Amino acid sequence: MHIFYRPEDVVLGTPAPDAPAGANLTAQITQVLPTRPLVRISLASDPPVTALMLHRDLERLRLRVGTSATATLPAASVRVFPAT
C-alpha cells in the first residue's frame, strides 16, 4: 500500500475539535526551510511528514527546529493506492 498526501494541506497547530483522533500526530520539528511563497517544515514522525505553510503562519505559531508540533492531515488530502 502506498499513501500520499498534499503537504500544503497539512495543518500545524492545535487540532480542530471535530478532527478525528487518527488524523493528528505530534512530532519534533527537524527542519524549517524558508522558500517562496511557502515554508517547508519537516517533522520527525514515522513516517516523516512535511508541511507547507505561509511565512506569517510560521511566525504566528512560533514553530522552530527542536520544538514539537501537532499536524492534522485532512482526510480529503490523503490518497491510498494498492502496492503493485
PDB file of N, CA and C in Angstrom:
ATOM      1  N   MET A   1       0.834  -1.158   0.000  1.00  0.00           N
ATOM      2  CA  MET A   1       0.000   0.000   0.000  1.00  0.00           C
ATOM      3  C   MET A   1       0.889   1.234   0.000  1.00  0.00           C
ATOM      4  N   HIS A   2       0.509   2.208  -0.804  1.00  0.00           N
ATOM      5  CA  HIS A   2       1.222   3.483  -0.865  1.00  0.00           C
ATOM      6  C   HIS A   2       0.253   4.576  -0.435  1.00  0.00           C
ATOM      7  N   ILE A   3       0.727   5.438   0.456  1.00  0.00           N
ATOM      8  CA  ILE A   3      -0.105   6.527   0.952  1.00  0.00           C
ATOM      9  C   ILE A   3       0.583   7.838   0.607  1.00  0.00           C
ATOM     10  N   PHE A   4      -0.169   8.725  -0.026  1.00  0.00           N
ATOM     11  CA  PHE A   4       0.336  10.036  -0.412  1.00  0.00           C
ATOM     12  C   PHE A   4      -0.555  11.111   0.198  1.00  0.00           C
ATOM     13  N   TYR A   5       0.032  12.270   0.449  1.00  0.00           N
ATOM     14  CA  TYR A   5      -0.722  13.402   0.970  1.00  0.00           C
ATOM     15  C   TYR A   5      -0.170  14.679   0.357  1.00  0.00           C
ATOM     16  N   ARG A   6      -0.948  15.730   0.447  1.00  0.00           N
ATOM     17  CA  ARG A   6      -0.518  17.029  -0.073  1.00  0.00           C
ATOM     18  C   ARG A   6       0.067  17.842   1.085  1.00  0.00           C
ATOM     19  N   PRO A   7       1.373  18.158   1.054  1.00  0.00           N
ATOM     20  CA  PRO A   7       1.999  18.902   2.156  1.00  0.00           C
ATOM     21  C   PRO A   7       1.334  20.256   2.423  1.00  0.00           C
ATOM     22  N   GLU A   8       0.778  20.869   1.397  1.00  0.00           N
ATOM     23  CA  GLU A   8       0.128  22.161   1.600  1.00  0.00           C
ATOM     24  C   GLU A   8      -1.203  22.030   2.341  1.00  0.00           C
ATOM     25  N   ASP A   9      -1.731  20.810   2.456  1.00  0.00           N
ATOM     26  CA  ASP A   9      -2.974  20.588   3.189  1.00  0.00           C
ATOM     27  C   ASP A   9      -2.752  20.228   4.659  1.00  0.00           C
ATOM     28  N   VAL A  10      -1.516  19.904   5.034  1.00  0.00           N
ATOM     29  CA  VAL A  10      -1.217  19.562   6.431  1.00  0.00           C
ATOM     30  C   VAL A  10      -1.373  20.829   7.273  1.00  0.00           C
ATOM     31  N   VAL A  11      -2.112  20.720   8.359  1.00  0.00           N
ATOM     32  CA  VAL A  11      -2.358  21.855   9.242  1.00  0.00           C
ATOM     33  C   VAL A  11      -1.539  21.660  10.513  1.00  0.00           C
ATOM     34  N   LEU A  12      -0.678  22.634  10.814  1.00  0.00           N
ATOM     35  CA  LEU A  12       0.113  22.583  12.044  1.00  0.00           C
ATOM     36  C   LEU A  12      -0.525  23.496  13.078  1.00  0.00           C
ATOM     37  N   GLY A  13      -0.530  23.053  14.306  1.00  0.00           N
ATOM     38  CA  GLY A  13      -1.124  23.825  15.390  1.00  0.00           C
ATOM     39  C   GLY A  13      -2.143  22.985  16.129  1.00  0.00           C
ATOM     40  N   THR A  14      -2.970  23.636  16.905  1.00  0.00           N
ATOM     41  CA  THR A  14      -3.983  22.940  17.697  1.00  0.00           C
ATOM     42  C   THR A  14      -5.013  22.309  16.767  1.00  0.00           C
ATOM     43  N   PRO A  15      -5.265  21.005  16.915  1.00  0.00           N
ATOM     44  CA  PRO A  15      -6.252  20.353  16.044  1.00  0.00           C
ATOM     45  C   PRO A  15      -7.655  20.907  16.264  1.00  0.00           C
ATOM     46  N   ALA A  16      -8.434  20.901  15.206  1.00  0.00           N
ATOM     47  CA  ALA A  16      -9.833  21.319  15.307  1.00  0.00           C
ATOM     48  C   ALA A  16     -10.581  20.327  16.197  1.00  0.00           C
ATOM     49  N   PRO A  17     -11.573  20.803  16.965  1.00  0.00           N
ATOM     50  CA  PRO A  17     -12.304  19.903  17.871  1.00  0.00           C
ATOM     51  C   PRO A  17     -12.995  18.748  17.147  1.00  0.00           C
ATOM     52  N   ASP A  18     -13.358  18.942  15.876  1.00  0.00           N
ATOM     53  CA  ASP A  18     -14.064  17.890  15.143  1.00  0.00           C
ATOM     54  C   ASP A  18     -13.129  16.998  14.330  1.00  0.00           C
ATOM     55  N   ALA A  19     -11.810  17.191  14.466  1.00  0.00           N
ATOM     56  CA  ALA A  19     -10.847  16.369  13.716  1.00  0.00           C
ATOM     57  C   ALA A  19     -10.786  14.970  14.331  1.00  0.00           C
ATOM     58  N   PRO A  20     -10.826  13.922  13.489  1.00  0.00           N
ATOM     59  CA  PRO A  20     -10.706  12.560  14.019  1.00  0.00           C
ATOM     60  C   PRO A  20      -9.351  12.368  14.700  1.00  0.00           C
ATOM     61  N   ALA A  21      -9.332  11.611  15.775  1.00  0.00           N
ATOM     62  CA  ALA A  21      -8.100  11.421  16.546  1.00  0.00           C
ATOM     63  C   ALA A  21      -6.994  10.800  15.699  1.00  0.00           C
ATOM     64  N   GLY A  22      -7.323   9.917  14.787  1.00  0.00           N
ATOM     65  CA  GLY A  22      -6.316   9.261  13.958  1.00  0.00           C
ATOM     66  C   GLY A  22      -5.690  10.152  12.920  1.00  0.00           C
ATOM     67  N   ALA A  23      -6.241  11.344  12.712  1.00  0.00           N
ATOM     68  CA  ALA A  23      -5.723  12.249  11.700  1.00  0.00           C
ATOM     69  C   ALA A  23      -4.681  13.207  12.260  1.00  0.00           C
ATOM     70  N   ASN A  24      -4.371  13.098  13.559  1.00  0.00           N
ATOM     71  CA  ASN A  24      -3.421  14.003  14.212  1.00  0.00           C
ATOM     72  C   ASN A  24      -2.181  13.248  14.660  1.00  0.00           C
ATOM     73  N   LEU A  25      -1.047  13.928  14.595  1.00  0.00           N
ATOM     74  CA  LEU A  25       0.181  13.373  15.165  1.00  0.00           C
ATOM     75  C   LEU A  25       1.018  14.510  15.705  1.00  0.00           C
ATOM     76  N   THR A  26       1.757  14.216  16.742  1.00  0.00           N
ATOM     77  CA  THR A  26       2.650  15.212  17.333  1.00  0.00           C
ATOM     78  C   THR A  26       4.070  14.707  17.193  1.00  0.00           C
ATOM     79  N   ALA A  27       4.946  15.576  16.667  1.00  0.00           N
ATOM     80  CA  ALA A  27       6.339  15.187  16.439  1.00  0.00           C
ATOM     81  C   ALA A  27       7.231  16.416  16.534  1.00  0.00           C
ATOM     82  N   GLN A  28       8.516  16.152  16.678  1.00  0.00           N
ATOM     83  CA  GLN A  28       9.503  17.219  16.759  1.00  0.00           C
ATOM     84  C   GLN A  28       9.798  17.763  15.367  1.00  0.00           C
ATOM     85  N   ILE A  29       9.973  19.070  15.275  1.00  0.00           N
ATOM     86  CA  ILE A  29      10.342  19.712  14.012  1.00  0.00           C
ATOM     87  C   ILE A  29      11.838  19.514  13.799  1.00  0.00           C
ATOM     88  N   THR A  30      12.204  18.956  12.650  1.00  0.00           N
ATOM     89  CA  THR A  30      13.617  18.710  12.353  1.00  0.00           C
ATOM     90  C   THR A  30      14.195  19.716  11.366  1.00  0.00           C
ATOM     91  N   GLN A  31      13.322  20.365  10.587  1.00  0.00           N
ATOM     92  CA  GLN A  31      13.829  21.332   9.611  1.00  0.00           C
ATOM     93  C   GLN A  31      12.755  22.359   9.301  1.00  0.00           C
ATOM     94  N   VAL A  32      13.184  23.616   9.208  1.00  0.00           N
ATOM     95  CA  VAL A  32      12.329  24.706   8.727  1.00  0.00           C
ATOM     96  C   VAL A  32      13.082  25.341   7.575  1.00  0.00           C
ATOM     97  N   LEU A  33      12.560  25.168   6.369  1.00  0.00           N
ATOM     98  CA  LEU A  33      13.233  25.643   5.166  1.00  0.00           C
ATOM     99  C   LEU A  33      12.409  26.761   4.539  1.00  0.00           C
ATOM    100  N   PRO A  34      12.848  28.021   4.705  1.00  0.00           N
ATOM    101  CA  PRO A  34      12.099  29.128   4.113  1.00  0.00           C
ATOM    102  C   PRO A  34      12.284  29.149   2.594  1.00  0.00           C
ATOM    103  N   THR A  35      11.222  28.917   1.885  1.00  0.00           N
ATOM    104  CA  THR A  35      11.211  29.019   0.430  1.00  0.00           C
ATOM    105  C   THR A  35      10.156  30.064   0.088  1.00  0.00           C
ATOM    106  N   ARG A  36       9.944  30.311  -1.148  1.00  0.00           N
ATOM    107  CA  ARG A  36       8.900  31.251  -1.569  1.00  0.00           C
ATOM    108  C   ARG A  36       7.909  30.532  -2.435  1.00  0.00           C
ATOM    109  N   PRO A  37       6.647  30.688  -2.229  1.00  0.00           N
ATOM    110  CA  PRO A  37       5.993  31.561  -1.253  1.00  0.00           C
ATOM    111  C   PRO A  37       5.722  30.889   0.091  1.00  0.00           C
ATOM    112  N   LEU A  38       6.067  29.617   0.235  1.00  0.00           N
ATOM    113  CA  LEU A  38       5.740  28.874   1.455  1.00  0.00           C
ATOM    114  C   LEU A  38       6.988  28.426   2.203  1.00  0.00           C
ATOM    115  N   VAL A  39       6.812  28.057   3.469  1.00  0.00           N
ATOM    116  CA  VAL A  39       7.873  27.491   4.302  1.00  0.00           C
ATOM    117  C   VAL A  39       7.657  25.981   4.352  1.00  0.00           C
ATOM    118  N   ARG A  40       8.736  25.213   4.167  1.00  0.00           N
ATOM    119  CA  ARG A  40       8.668  23.751   4.236  1.00  0.00           C
ATOM    120  C   ARG A  40       9.125  23.321   5.630  1.00  0.00           C
ATOM    121  N   ILE A  41       8.262  22.595   6.346  1.00  0.00           N
ATOM    122  CA  ILE A  41       8.553  22.160   7.708  1.00  0.00           C
ATOM    123  C   ILE A  41       8.550  20.640   7.736  1.00  0.00           C
ATOM    124  N   SER A  42       9.654  20.050   8.218  1.00  0.00           N
ATOM    125  CA  SER A  42       9.779  18.596   8.306  1.00  0.00           C
ATOM    126  C   SER A  42       9.597  18.153   9.744  1.00  0.00           C
ATOM    127  N   LEU A  43       8.789  17.094   9.926  1.00  0.00           N
ATOM    128  CA  LEU A  43       8.532  16.550  11.252  1.00  0.00           C
ATOM    129  C   LEU A  43       9.150  15.166  11.373  1.00  0.00           C
ATOM    130  N   ALA A  44       9.723  14.864  12.535  1.00  0.00           N
ATOM    131  CA  ALA A  44      10.380  13.578  12.788  1.00  0.00           C
ATOM    132  C   ALA A  44       9.351  12.561  13.261  1.00  0.00           C
ATOM    133  N   SER A  45       8.431  12.211  12.402  1.00  0.00           N
ATOM    134  CA  SER A  45       7.439  11.185  12.725  1.00  0.00           C
ATOM    135  C   SER A  45       7.787   9.931  11.934  1.00  0.00           C
ATOM    136  N   ASP A  46       7.031   8.872  12.139  1.00  0.00           N
ATOM    137  CA  ASP A  46       7.286   7.626  11.421  1.00  0.00           C
ATOM    138  C   ASP A  46       6.005   7.211  10.705  1.00  0.00           C
ATOM    139  N   PRO A  47       5.909   7.456   9.412  1.00  0.00           N
ATOM    140  CA  PRO A  47       6.905   8.010   8.501  1.00  0.00           C
ATOM    141  C   PRO A  47       7.013   9.531   8.657  1.00  0.00           C
ATOM    142  N   PRO A  48       8.116  10.118   8.143  1.00  0.00           N
ATOM    143  CA  PRO A  48       8.282  11.572   8.236  1.00  0.00           C
ATOM    144  C   PRO A  48       7.152  12.293   7.506  1.00  0.00           C
ATOM    145  N   VAL A  49       6.769  13.433   8.038  1.00  0.00           N
ATOM    146  CA  VAL A  49       5.721  14.254   7.435  1.00  0.00           C
ATOM    147  C   VAL A  49       6.297  15.632   7.139  1.00  0.00           C
ATOM    148  N   THR A  50       5.932  16.172   5.988  1.00  0.00           N
ATOM    149  CA  THR A  50       6.337  17.516   5.598  1.00  0.00           C
ATOM    150  C   THR A  50       5.092  18.367   5.446  1.00  0.00           C
ATOM    151  N   ALA A  51       5.157  19.599   5.940  1.00  0.00           N
ATOM    152  CA  ALA A  51       4.049  20.537   5.810  1.00  0.00           C
ATOM    153  C   ALA A  51       4.548  21.784   5.106  1.00  0.00           C
ATOM    154  N   LEU A  52       3.672  22.407   4.352  1.00  0.00           N
ATOM    155  CA  LEU A  52       3.952  23.692   3.731  1.00  0.00           C
ATOM    156  C   LEU A  52       2.995  24.712   4.320  1.00  0.00           C
ATOM    157  N   MET A  53       3.519  25.885   4.712  1.00  0.00           N
ATOM    158  CA  MET A  53       2.656  26.917   5.271  1.00  0.00           C
ATOM    159  C   MET A  53       3.186  28.292   4.924  1.00  0.00           C
ATOM    160  N   LEU A  54       2.350  29.286   5.084  1.00  0.00           N
ATOM    161  CA  LEU A  54       2.741  30.668   4.835  1.00  0.00           C
ATOM    162  C   LEU A  54       3.722  31.138   5.897  1.00  0.00           C
ATOM    163  N   HIS A  55       4.620  32.046   5.519  1.00  0.00           N
ATOM    164  CA  HIS A  55       5.602  32.592   6.461  1.00  0.00           C
ATOM    165  C   HIS A  55       4.921  33.237   7.666  1.00  0.00           C
ATOM    166  N   ARG A  56       3.844  33.965   7.432  1.00  0.00           N
ATOM    167  CA  ARG A  56       3.167  34.655   8.548  1.00  0.00           C
ATOM    168  C   ARG A  56       2.597  33.657   9.558  1.00  0.00           C
ATOM    169  N   ASP A  57       2.146  32.476   9.076  1.00  0.00           N
ATOM    170  CA  ASP A  57       1.622  31.459   9.988  1.00  0.00           C
ATOM    171  C   ASP A  57       2.740  30.827  10.804  1.00  0.00           C
ATOM    172  N   LEU A  58       3.898  30.655  10.203  1.00  0.00           N
ATOM    173  CA  LEU A  58       5.054  30.123  10.920  1.00  0.00           C
ATOM    174  C   LEU A  58       5.412  31.043  12.086  1.00  0.00           C
ATOM    175  N   GLU A  59       5.439  32.342  11.823  1.00  0.00           N
ATOM    176  CA  GLU A  59       5.762  33.314  12.868  1.00  0.00           C
ATOM    177  C   GLU A  59       4.671  33.357  13.937  1.00  0.00           C
ATOM    178  N   ARG A  60       3.409  33.284  13.531  1.00  0.00           N
ATOM    179  CA  ARG A  60       2.291  33.341  14.460  1.00  0.00           C
ATOM    180  C   ARG A  60       2.302  32.144  15.405  1.00  0.00           C
ATOM    181  N   LEU A  61       2.615  30.947  14.890  1.00  0.00           N
ATOM    182  CA  LEU A  61       2.630  29.736  15.696  1.00  0.00           C
ATOM    183  C   LEU A  61       3.946  29.527  16.448  1.00  0.00           C
ATOM    184  N   ARG A  62       4.964  30.326  16.097  1.00  0.00           N
ATOM    185  CA  ARG A  62       6.285  30.256  16.738  1.00  0.00           C
ATOM    186  C   ARG A  62       6.889  28.855  16.642  1.00  0.00           C
ATOM    187  N   LEU A  63       6.814  28.287  15.450  1.00  0.00           N
ATOM    188  CA  LEU A  63       7.383  26.960  15.218  1.00  0.00           C
ATOM    189  C   LEU A  63       8.867  27.083  14.925  1.00  0.00           C
ATOM    190  N   ARG A  64       9.675  26.284  15.603  1.00  0.00           N
ATOM    191  CA  ARG A  64      11.133  26.310  15.456  1.00  0.00           C
ATOM    192  C   ARG A  64      11.664  24.883  15.448  1.00  0.00           C
ATOM    193  N   VAL A  65      12.862  24.706  14.896  1.00  0.00           N
ATOM    194  CA  VAL A  65      13.526  23.408  14.932  1.00  0.00           C
ATOM    195  C   VAL A  65      13.734  23.008  16.392  1.00  0.00           C
ATOM    196  N   GLY A  66      13.408  21.763  16.695  1.00  0.00           N
ATOM    197  CA  GLY A  66      13.574  21.244  18.052  1.00  0.00           C
ATOM    198  C   GLY A  66      12.315  21.310  18.894  1.00  0.00           C
ATOM    199  N   THR A  67      11.325  22.079  18.471  1.00  0.00           N
ATOM    200  CA  THR A  67      10.063  22.118  19.217  1.00  0.00           C
ATOM    201  C   THR A  67       9.111  21.076  18.640  1.00  0.00           C
ATOM    202  N   SER A  68       8.093  20.740  19.394  1.00  0.00           N
ATOM    203  CA  SER A  68       7.091  19.786  18.922  1.00  0.00           C
ATOM    204  C   SER A  68       5.938  20.532  18.283  1.00  0.00           C
ATOM    205  N   ALA A  69       5.325  19.883  17.315  1.00  0.00           N
ATOM    206  CA  ALA A  69       4.167  20.454  16.638  1.00  0.00           C
ATOM    207  C   ALA A  69       3.149  19.351  16.401  1.00  0.00           C
ATOM    208  N   THR A  70       1.891  19.712  16.448  1.00  0.00           N
ATOM    209  CA  THR A  70       0.820  18.776  16.123  1.00  0.00           C
ATOM    210  C   THR A  70       0.378  19.027  14.699  1.00  0.00           C
ATOM    211  N   ALA A  71       0.379  17.970  13.899  1.00  0.00           N
ATOM    212  CA  ALA A  71      -0.026  18.045  12.497  1.00  0.00           C
ATOM    213  C   ALA A  71      -1.347  17.318  12.318  1.00  0.00           C
ATOM    214  N   THR A  72      -2.231  17.921  11.565  1.00  0.00           N
ATOM    215  CA  THR A  72      -3.505  17.307  11.215  1.00  0.00           C
ATOM    216  C   THR A  72      -3.523  17.088   9.713  1.00  0.00           C
ATOM    217  N   LEU A  73      -3.820  15.861   9.299  1.00  0.00           N
ATOM    218  CA  LEU A  73      -3.925  15.538   7.877  1.00  0.00           C
ATOM    219  C   LEU A  73      -5.402  15.371   7.529  1.00  0.00           C
ATOM    220  N   PRO A  74      -5.988  16.344   6.839  1.00  0.00           N
ATOM    221  CA  PRO A  74      -7.393  16.224   6.453  1.00  0.00           C
ATOM    222  C   PRO A  74      -7.601  15.006   5.557  1.00  0.00           C
ATOM    223  N   ALA A  75      -8.679  14.300   5.773  1.00  0.00           N
ATOM    224  CA  ALA A  75      -8.952  13.072   5.018  1.00  0.00           C
ATOM    225  C   ALA A  75      -8.970  13.312   3.517  1.00  0.00           C
ATOM    226  N   ALA A  76      -9.439  14.469   3.083  1.00  0.00           N
ATOM    227  CA  ALA A  76      -9.532  14.750   1.651  1.00  0.00           C
ATOM    228  C   ALA A  76      -8.166  14.900   0.992  1.00  0.00           C
ATOM    229  N   SER A  77      -7.113  15.119   1.783  1.00  0.00           N
ATOM    230  CA  SER A  77      -5.786  15.308   1.193  1.00  0.00           C
ATOM    231  C   SER A  77      -4.968  14.019   1.147  1.00  0.00           C
ATOM    232  N   VAL A  78      -5.499  12.935   1.706  1.00  0.00           N
ATOM    233  CA  VAL A  78      -4.770  11.653   1.753  1.00  0.00           C
ATOM    234  C   VAL A  78      -5.284  10.746   0.646  1.00  0.00           C
ATOM    235  N   ARG A  79      -4.346  10.145  -0.094  1.00  0.00           N
ATOM    236  CA  ARG A  79      -4.679   9.195  -1.165  1.00  0.00           C
ATOM    237  C   ARG A  79      -3.991   7.881  -0.881  1.00  0.00           C
ATOM    238  N   VAL A  80      -4.714   6.791  -1.004  1.00  0.00           N
ATOM    239  CA  VAL A  80      -4.173   5.446  -0.744  1.00  0.00           C
ATOM    240  C   VAL A  80      -4.274   4.638  -2.046  1.00  0.00           C
ATOM    241  N   PHE A  81      -3.137   4.021  -2.422  1.00  0.00           N
ATOM    242  CA  PHE A  81      -3.082   3.194  -3.623  1.00  0.00           C
ATOM    243  C   PHE A  81      -2.547   1.831  -3.260  1.00  0.00           C
ATOM    244  N   PRO A  82      -3.060   0.763  -3.868  1.00  0.00           N
ATOM    245  CA  PRO A  82      -2.518  -0.569  -3.609  1.00  0.00           C
ATOM    246  C   PRO A  82      -1.097  -0.679  -4.146  1.00  0.00           C
ATOM    247  N   ALA A  83      -0.272  -1.473  -3.474  1.00  0.00           N
ATOM    248  CA  ALA A  83       1.090  -1.713  -3.956  1.00  0.00           C
ATOM    249  C   ALA A  83       1.027  -2.575  -5.212  1.00  0.00           C
ATOM    250  N   THR A  84       1.943  -2.351  -6.121  1.00  0.00           N
ATOM    251  CA  THR A  84       1.920  -3.124  -7.362  1.00  0.00           C
ATOM    252  C   THR A  84       2.731  -4.378  -7.231  1.00  0.00           C
TER     253      THR A  84
END
